[in-house]
Amino acid sequence: MYGFWKPRVLGAWRVPASGPVILAVNHAHNIDGPMLMGTAPRPVHFLIKKEAFVGPLGSFLEGIGQLKVDRASVDRTAIANALGVLEQGGVLGIFPEGTRGEGDFASLRAGLAYFAVRSGAPIVPVAVLGSTETPGRLIKALPRLRSRVDVVFGDAFQAGDGSGRRTRKALDDATVRIQEQLTAHLKNARRLTGR
């Protein structure tokens, strides 16, 4: 990432140095995940759609510990693998919106709340900003080479209410808390970076 663009990383010290943690990342561009993996202070295991695991890219993704998920159904293997990363004290990266979009955390899926409540792992919000601002000259699908992309880490927080409940209502309440925290972080990240 540092060879192609100029990442500016703010708040990486907020990621706990050890133990399980979930990085909740906005997703507006294809490079957001790789940008986070290249700048995070700890190795990150992302849930990535199974369609990306083809040919040499698939072997590469598996080799660096990324997790294949079938988005068309409840993928129990992917769920078990993601929980396994957290049980082993690793870092799980999730795009809470489920797919690329505006990157504004406006519509969250329940997966993030499930993993956070089930594992008890803290969530660190992450805003990747600037990846969609200036298209490249040669490859329009990528940001302009050597352009600045900001990666802003927020304060860790717990999604659950402390009761340990995993009911549908508890997950719905956790999703609301998560969305409030992520939206506030994104607003603060835009203020800090001027984007």
C-alpha atoms as a PDB file:
ATOM      1  CA  MET A   1       0.000   0.000   0.000  1.00  0.00           C
ATOM      2  CA  TYR A   2       2.836   2.387   0.826  1.00  0.00           C
ATOM      3  CA  GLY A   3       4.402   1.756  -2.588  1.00  0.00           C
ATOM      4  CA  PHE A   4       1.317   2.791  -4.579  1.00  0.00           C
ATOM      5  CA  TRP A   5      -0.370   5.375  -2.339  1.00  0.00           C
ATOM      6  CA  LYS A   6       0.471   7.607   0.602  1.00  0.00           C
ATOM      7  CA  PRO A   7      -1.487   6.197   3.538  1.00  0.00           C
ATOM      8  CA  ARG A   8      -1.798   8.445   6.571  1.00  0.00           C
ATOM      9  CA  VAL A   9      -2.617   6.330   9.626  1.00  0.00           C
ATOM     10  CA  LEU A  10      -4.174   8.010  12.647  1.00  0.00           C
ATOM     11  CA  GLY A  11      -4.908   6.349  15.995  1.00  0.00           C
ATOM     12  CA  ALA A  12      -3.391   2.910  15.332  1.00  0.00           C
ATOM     13  CA  TRP A  13      -2.392   2.875  19.008  1.00  0.00           C
ATOM     14  CA  ARG A  14      -6.098   2.475  19.817  1.00  0.00           C
ATOM     15  CA  VAL A  15      -6.047  -1.143  18.581  1.00  0.00           C
ATOM     16  CA  PRO A  16      -5.429  -3.367  21.620  1.00  0.00           C
ATOM     17  CA  ALA A  17      -1.927  -4.874  21.422  1.00  0.00           C
ATOM     18  CA  SER A  18      -3.182  -8.346  22.271  1.00  0.00           C
ATOM     19  CA  GLY A  19      -6.380 -10.302  22.666  1.00  0.00           C
ATOM     20  CA  PRO A  20      -9.394 -10.574  20.400  1.00  0.00           C
ATOM     21  CA  VAL A  21     -10.612  -7.462  18.611  1.00  0.00           C
ATOM     22  CA  ILE A  22     -12.974  -6.687  15.758  1.00  0.00           C
ATOM     23  CA  LEU A  23     -12.129  -3.924  13.291  1.00  0.00           C
ATOM     24  CA  ALA A  24     -15.346  -2.469  11.816  1.00  0.00           C
ATOM     25  CA  VAL A  25     -14.389  -0.779   8.555  1.00  0.00           C
ATOM     26  CA  ASN A  26     -16.390   1.403   6.177  1.00  0.00           C
ATOM     27  CA  HIS A  27     -16.341   0.092   2.614  1.00  0.00           C
ATOM     28  CA  ALA A  28     -16.540   2.500  -0.314  1.00  0.00           C
ATOM     29  CA  HIS A  29     -13.777   1.113  -2.561  1.00  0.00           C
ATOM     30  CA  ASN A  30     -12.052  -2.183  -3.403  1.00  0.00           C
ATOM     31  CA  ILE A  31      -8.781  -1.054  -1.831  1.00  0.00           C
ATOM     32  CA  ASP A  32     -10.316  -0.335   1.611  1.00  0.00           C
ATOM     33  CA  GLY A  33      -9.700  -3.883   2.890  1.00  0.00           C
ATOM     34  CA  PRO A  34      -6.165  -4.212   1.513  1.00  0.00           C
ATOM     35  CA  MET A  35      -5.374  -0.686   2.736  1.00  0.00           C
ATOM     36  CA  LEU A  36      -6.406  -1.654   6.267  1.00  0.00           C
ATOM     37  CA  MET A  37      -4.478  -4.944   6.102  1.00  0.00           C
ATOM     38  CA  GLY A  38      -1.382  -3.055   4.972  1.00  0.00           C
ATOM     39  CA  THR A  39      -1.556  -0.383   7.674  1.00  0.00           C
ATOM     40  CA  ALA A  40      -3.062  -2.111  10.743  1.00  0.00           C
ATOM     41  CA  PRO A  41      -0.739  -2.675  13.692  1.00  0.00           C
ATOM     42  CA  ARG A  42      -1.775  -6.360  13.888  1.00  0.00           C
ATOM     43  CA  PRO A  43      -2.565  -9.016  11.244  1.00  0.00           C
ATOM     44  CA  VAL A  44      -6.230  -8.853  10.177  1.00  0.00           C
ATOM     45  CA  HIS A  45      -8.463 -11.718   9.039  1.00  0.00           C
ATOM     46  CA  PHE A  46     -11.352 -10.474   6.880  1.00  0.00           C
ATOM     47  CA  LEU A  47     -14.563 -12.207   5.939  1.00  0.00           C
ATOM     48  CA  ILE A  48     -14.417 -11.986   2.130  1.00  0.00           C
ATOM     49  CA  LYS A  49     -17.067 -13.110  -0.355  1.00  0.00           C
ATOM     50  CA  LYS A  50     -16.318 -16.540  -1.788  1.00  0.00           C
ATOM     51  CA  GLU A  51     -16.461 -15.145  -5.332  1.00  0.00           C
ATOM     52  CA  ALA A  52     -13.092 -13.464  -4.718  1.00  0.00           C
ATOM     53  CA  PHE A  53     -11.387 -16.810  -4.029  1.00  0.00           C
ATOM     54  CA  VAL A  54     -10.643 -17.767  -7.630  1.00  0.00           C
ATOM     55  CA  GLY A  55      -7.361 -18.651  -9.289  1.00  0.00           C
ATOM     56  CA  PRO A  56      -4.117 -17.242  -7.898  1.00  0.00           C
ATOM     57  CA  LEU A  57      -5.983 -14.563  -5.923  1.00  0.00           C
ATOM     58  CA  GLY A  58      -7.882 -17.278  -4.038  1.00  0.00           C
ATOM     59  CA  SER A  59      -4.669 -19.066  -3.087  1.00  0.00           C
ATOM     60  CA  PHE A  60      -3.128 -15.773  -2.021  1.00  0.00           C
ATOM     61  CA  LEU A  61      -6.130 -14.811   0.146  1.00  0.00           C
ATOM     62  CA  GLU A  62      -6.152 -18.198   1.845  1.00  0.00           C
ATOM     63  CA  GLY A  63      -2.389 -18.001   2.336  1.00  0.00           C
ATOM     64  CA  ILE A  64      -2.635 -14.719   4.224  1.00  0.00           C
ATOM     65  CA  GLY A  65      -5.438 -16.017   6.453  1.00  0.00           C
ATOM     66  CA  GLN A  66      -8.520 -14.445   4.904  1.00  0.00           C
ATOM     67  CA  LEU A  67     -11.878 -16.155   5.486  1.00  0.00           C
ATOM     68  CA  LYS A  68     -14.190 -17.231   2.663  1.00  0.00           C
ATOM     69  CA  VAL A  69     -17.924 -16.540   3.200  1.00  0.00           C
ATOM     70  CA  ASP A  70     -20.963 -17.520   1.148  1.00  0.00           C
ATOM     71  CA  ARG A  71     -23.236 -14.475   1.326  1.00  0.00           C
ATOM     72  CA  ALA A  72     -26.191 -16.297  -0.253  1.00  0.00           C
ATOM     73  CA  SER A  73     -26.915 -18.345   2.871  1.00  0.00           C
ATOM     74  CA  VAL A  74     -25.989 -18.730   6.526  1.00  0.00           C
ATOM     75  CA  ASP A  75     -22.410 -19.954   6.154  1.00  0.00           C
ATOM     76  CA  ARG A  76     -21.765 -21.893   9.369  1.00  0.00           C
ATOM     77  CA  THR A  77     -18.190 -22.710   8.377  1.00  0.00           C
ATOM     78  CA  ALA A  78     -17.363 -19.010   7.912  1.00  0.00           C
ATOM     79  CA  ILE A  79     -19.040 -18.181  11.233  1.00  0.00           C
ATOM     80  CA  ALA A  80     -17.045 -20.877  13.030  1.00  0.00           C
ATOM     81  CA  ASN A  81     -13.800 -19.740  11.380  1.00  0.00           C
ATOM     82  CA  ALA A  82     -14.417 -16.088  12.339  1.00  0.00           C
ATOM     83  CA  LEU A  83     -15.224 -17.013  15.937  1.00  0.00           C
ATOM     84  CA  GLY A  84     -12.090 -19.186  15.920  1.00  0.00           C
ATOM     85  CA  VAL A  85      -9.954 -16.158  15.007  1.00  0.00           C
ATOM     86  CA  LEU A  86     -11.394 -14.298  18.005  1.00  0.00           C
ATOM     87  CA  GLU A  87     -11.095 -17.295  20.357  1.00  0.00           C
ATOM     88  CA  GLN A  88      -7.390 -17.480  19.471  1.00  0.00           C
ATOM     89  CA  GLY A  89      -6.951 -13.783  20.335  1.00  0.00           C
ATOM     90  CA  GLY A  90      -6.773 -12.595  16.729  1.00  0.00           C
ATOM     91  CA  VAL A  91      -8.122  -9.614  14.826  1.00  0.00           C
ATOM     92  CA  LEU A  92     -11.279 -10.015  12.739  1.00  0.00           C
ATOM     93  CA  GLY A  93     -12.013  -7.395  10.089  1.00  0.00           C
ATOM     94  CA  ILE A  94     -15.628  -6.829   9.093  1.00  0.00           C
ATOM     95  CA  PHE A  95     -17.357  -4.527   6.654  1.00  0.00           C
ATOM     96  CA  PRO A  96     -20.555  -4.031   8.707  1.00  0.00           C
ATOM     97  CA  GLU A  97     -22.557  -2.890   5.691  1.00  0.00           C
ATOM     98  CA  GLY A  98     -21.904  -6.258   4.072  1.00  0.00           C
ATOM     99  CA  THR A  99     -20.873  -4.871   0.700  1.00  0.00           C
ATOM    100  CA  ARG A 100     -19.327  -1.838  -0.949  1.00  0.00           C
ATOM    101  CA  GLY A 101     -21.481   1.267  -0.886  1.00  0.00           C
ATOM    102  CA  GLU A 102     -21.263   4.866   0.263  1.00  0.00           C
ATOM    103  CA  GLY A 103     -19.042   3.829   3.180  1.00  0.00           C
ATOM    104  CA  ASP A 104     -21.149   5.806   5.647  1.00  0.00           C
ATOM    105  CA  PHE A 105     -22.338   2.997   7.979  1.00  0.00           C
ATOM    106  CA  ALA A 106     -25.959   3.931   7.131  1.00  0.00           C
ATOM    107  CA  SER A 107     -27.165   0.335   6.834  1.00  0.00           C
ATOM    108  CA  LEU A 108     -25.585  -2.310   9.057  1.00  0.00           C
ATOM    109  CA  ARG A 109     -26.110  -6.044   8.832  1.00  0.00           C
ATOM    110  CA  ALA A 110     -26.436  -8.107  12.016  1.00  0.00           C
ATOM    111  CA  GLY A 111     -23.167 -10.046  11.605  1.00  0.00           C
ATOM    112  CA  LEU A 112     -20.975  -7.535  13.418  1.00  0.00           C
ATOM    113  CA  ALA A 113     -23.265  -7.452  16.463  1.00  0.00           C
ATOM    114  CA  TYR A 114     -23.419 -11.252  16.510  1.00  0.00           C
ATOM    115  CA  PHE A 115     -19.623 -11.677  16.505  1.00  0.00           C
ATOM    116  CA  ALA A 116     -19.104  -8.911  19.079  1.00  0.00           C
ATOM    117  CA  VAL A 117     -21.785 -10.108  21.509  1.00  0.00           C
ATOM    118  CA  ARG A 118     -20.965 -13.800  21.075  1.00  0.00           C
ATOM    119  CA  SER A 119     -17.193 -13.371  21.534  1.00  0.00           C
ATOM    120  CA  GLY A 120     -17.146 -10.404  23.911  1.00  0.00           C
ATOM    121  CA  ALA A 121     -14.393  -8.882  21.734  1.00  0.00           C
ATOM    122  CA  PRO A 122     -14.197  -5.089  21.649  1.00  0.00           C
ATOM    123  CA  ILE A 123     -14.910  -3.280  18.399  1.00  0.00           C
ATOM    124  CA  VAL A 124     -12.512  -0.689  17.005  1.00  0.00           C
ATOM    125  CA  PRO A 125     -14.160   1.526  14.362  1.00  0.00           C
ATOM    126  CA  VAL A 126     -12.015   2.273  11.319  1.00  0.00           C
ATOM    127  CA  ALA A 127     -12.641   4.889   8.640  1.00  0.00           C
ATOM    128  CA  VAL A 128     -10.799   4.623   5.325  1.00  0.00           C
ATOM    129  CA  LEU A 129     -11.136   7.991   3.590  1.00  0.00           C
ATOM    130  CA  GLY A 130      -9.896   9.221   0.235  1.00  0.00           C
ATOM    131  CA  SER A 131     -10.000   5.944  -1.670  1.00  0.00           C
ATOM    132  CA  THR A 132     -12.844   7.178  -3.902  1.00  0.00           C
ATOM    133  CA  GLU A 133     -11.821  10.823  -4.355  1.00  0.00           C
ATOM    134  CA  THR A 134      -9.447  10.827  -7.335  1.00  0.00           C
ATOM    135  CA  PRO A 135      -9.540   8.038  -9.926  1.00  0.00           C
ATOM    136  CA  GLY A 136      -6.247   6.928 -11.435  1.00  0.00           C
ATOM    137  CA  ARG A 137      -5.198   8.036 -14.899  1.00  0.00           C
ATOM    138  CA  LEU A 138      -4.294   4.594 -16.239  1.00  0.00           C
ATOM    139  CA  ILE A 139      -6.609   2.441 -14.141  1.00  0.00           C
ATOM    140  CA  LYS A 140      -9.788   4.376 -13.390  1.00  0.00           C
ATOM    141  CA  ALA A 141     -10.972   1.698 -10.912  1.00  0.00           C
ATOM    142  CA  LEU A 142      -8.100   2.545  -8.530  1.00  0.00           C
ATOM    143  CA  PRO A 143      -7.250   5.783  -6.728  1.00  0.00           C
ATOM    144  CA  ARG A 144      -4.610   7.937  -8.400  1.00  0.00           C
ATOM    145  CA  LEU A 145      -1.110   6.626  -7.666  1.00  0.00           C
ATOM    146  CA  ARG A 146       0.654   8.372  -4.783  1.00  0.00           C
ATOM    147  CA  SER A 147      -2.612  10.004  -3.632  1.00  0.00           C
ATOM    148  CA  ARG A 148      -3.250  10.230   0.097  1.00  0.00           C
ATOM    149  CA  VAL A 149      -5.600   7.723   1.717  1.00  0.00           C
ATOM    150  CA  ASP A 150      -6.418   8.207   5.392  1.00  0.00           C
ATOM    151  CA  VAL A 151      -6.944   5.260   7.754  1.00  0.00           C
ATOM    152  CA  VAL A 152      -8.400   6.473  11.049  1.00  0.00           C
ATOM    153  CA  PHE A 153      -8.781   4.118  14.025  1.00  0.00           C
ATOM    154  CA  GLY A 154     -11.287   5.009  16.746  1.00  0.00           C
ATOM    155  CA  ASP A 155     -11.653   4.111  20.408  1.00  0.00           C
ATOM    156  CA  ALA A 156     -12.487   0.494  21.226  1.00  0.00           C
ATOM    157  CA  PHE A 157     -15.955  -0.147  22.656  1.00  0.00           C
ATOM    158  CA  GLN A 158     -18.138  -3.057  23.738  1.00  0.00           C
ATOM    159  CA  ALA A 159     -21.251  -3.776  21.685  1.00  0.00           C
ATOM    160  CA  GLY A 160     -23.138  -5.690  24.349  1.00  0.00           C
ATOM    161  CA  ASP A 161     -24.958  -4.228  27.317  1.00  0.00           C
ATOM    162  CA  GLY A 162     -22.897  -6.247  29.793  1.00  0.00           C
ATOM    163  CA  SER A 163     -25.681  -8.749  30.502  1.00  0.00           C
ATOM    164  CA  GLY A 164     -24.193 -11.495  28.322  1.00  0.00           C
ATOM    165  CA  ARG A 165     -27.600 -12.055  26.680  1.00  0.00           C
ATOM    166  CA  ARG A 166     -27.591 -13.227  23.055  1.00  0.00           C
ATOM    167  CA  THR A 167     -31.289 -12.876  22.286  1.00  0.00           C
ATOM    168  CA  ARG A 168     -32.618 -11.293  19.095  1.00  0.00           C
ATOM    169  CA  LYS A 169     -33.459  -8.140  21.091  1.00  0.00           C
ATOM    170  CA  ALA A 170     -29.952  -8.026  22.579  1.00  0.00           C
ATOM    171  CA  LEU A 171     -28.450  -8.268  19.079  1.00  0.00           C
ATOM    172  CA  ASP A 172     -30.820  -5.593  17.739  1.00  0.00           C
ATOM    173  CA  ASP A 173     -29.909  -3.284  20.638  1.00  0.00           C
ATOM    174  CA  ALA A 174     -26.205  -3.975  20.049  1.00  0.00           C
ATOM    175  CA  THR A 175     -26.610  -3.130  16.348  1.00  0.00           C
ATOM    176  CA  VAL A 176     -28.118   0.247  17.282  1.00  0.00           C
ATOM    177  CA  ARG A 177     -25.235   0.958  19.706  1.00  0.00           C
ATOM    178  CA  ILE A 178     -22.694  -0.092  17.089  1.00  0.00           C
ATOM    179  CA  GLN A 179     -24.233   2.104  14.390  1.00  0.00           C
ATOM    180  CA  GLU A 180     -24.188   5.123  16.720  1.00  0.00           C
ATOM    181  CA  GLN A 181     -20.508   4.546  17.564  1.00  0.00           C
ATOM    182  CA  LEU A 182     -19.458   3.945  13.943  1.00  0.00           C
ATOM    183  CA  THR A 183     -21.361   6.973  12.634  1.00  0.00           C
ATOM    184  CA  ALA A 184     -19.834   9.204  15.339  1.00  0.00           C
ATOM    185  CA  HIS A 185     -16.353   7.865  14.528  1.00  0.00           C
ATOM    186  CA  LEU A 186     -16.796   8.506  10.798  1.00  0.00           C
ATOM    187  CA  LYS A 187     -17.920  12.068  11.491  1.00  0.00           C
ATOM    188  CA  ASN A 188     -14.908  12.635  13.754  1.00  0.00           C
ATOM    189  CA  ALA A 189     -12.528  11.036  11.221  1.00  0.00           C
ATOM    190  CA  ARG A 190     -13.807  13.379   8.495  1.00  0.00           C
ATOM    191  CA  ARG A 191     -13.298  16.344  10.802  1.00  0.00           C
ATOM    192  CA  LEU A 192      -9.752  15.237  11.714  1.00  0.00           C
ATOM    193  CA  THR A 193      -8.711  14.634   8.112  1.00  0.00           C
ATOM    194  CA  GLY A 194     -10.668  17.461   6.441  1.00  0.00           C
ATOM    195  CA  ARG A 195     -12.399  14.982   4.088  1.00  0.00           C
END
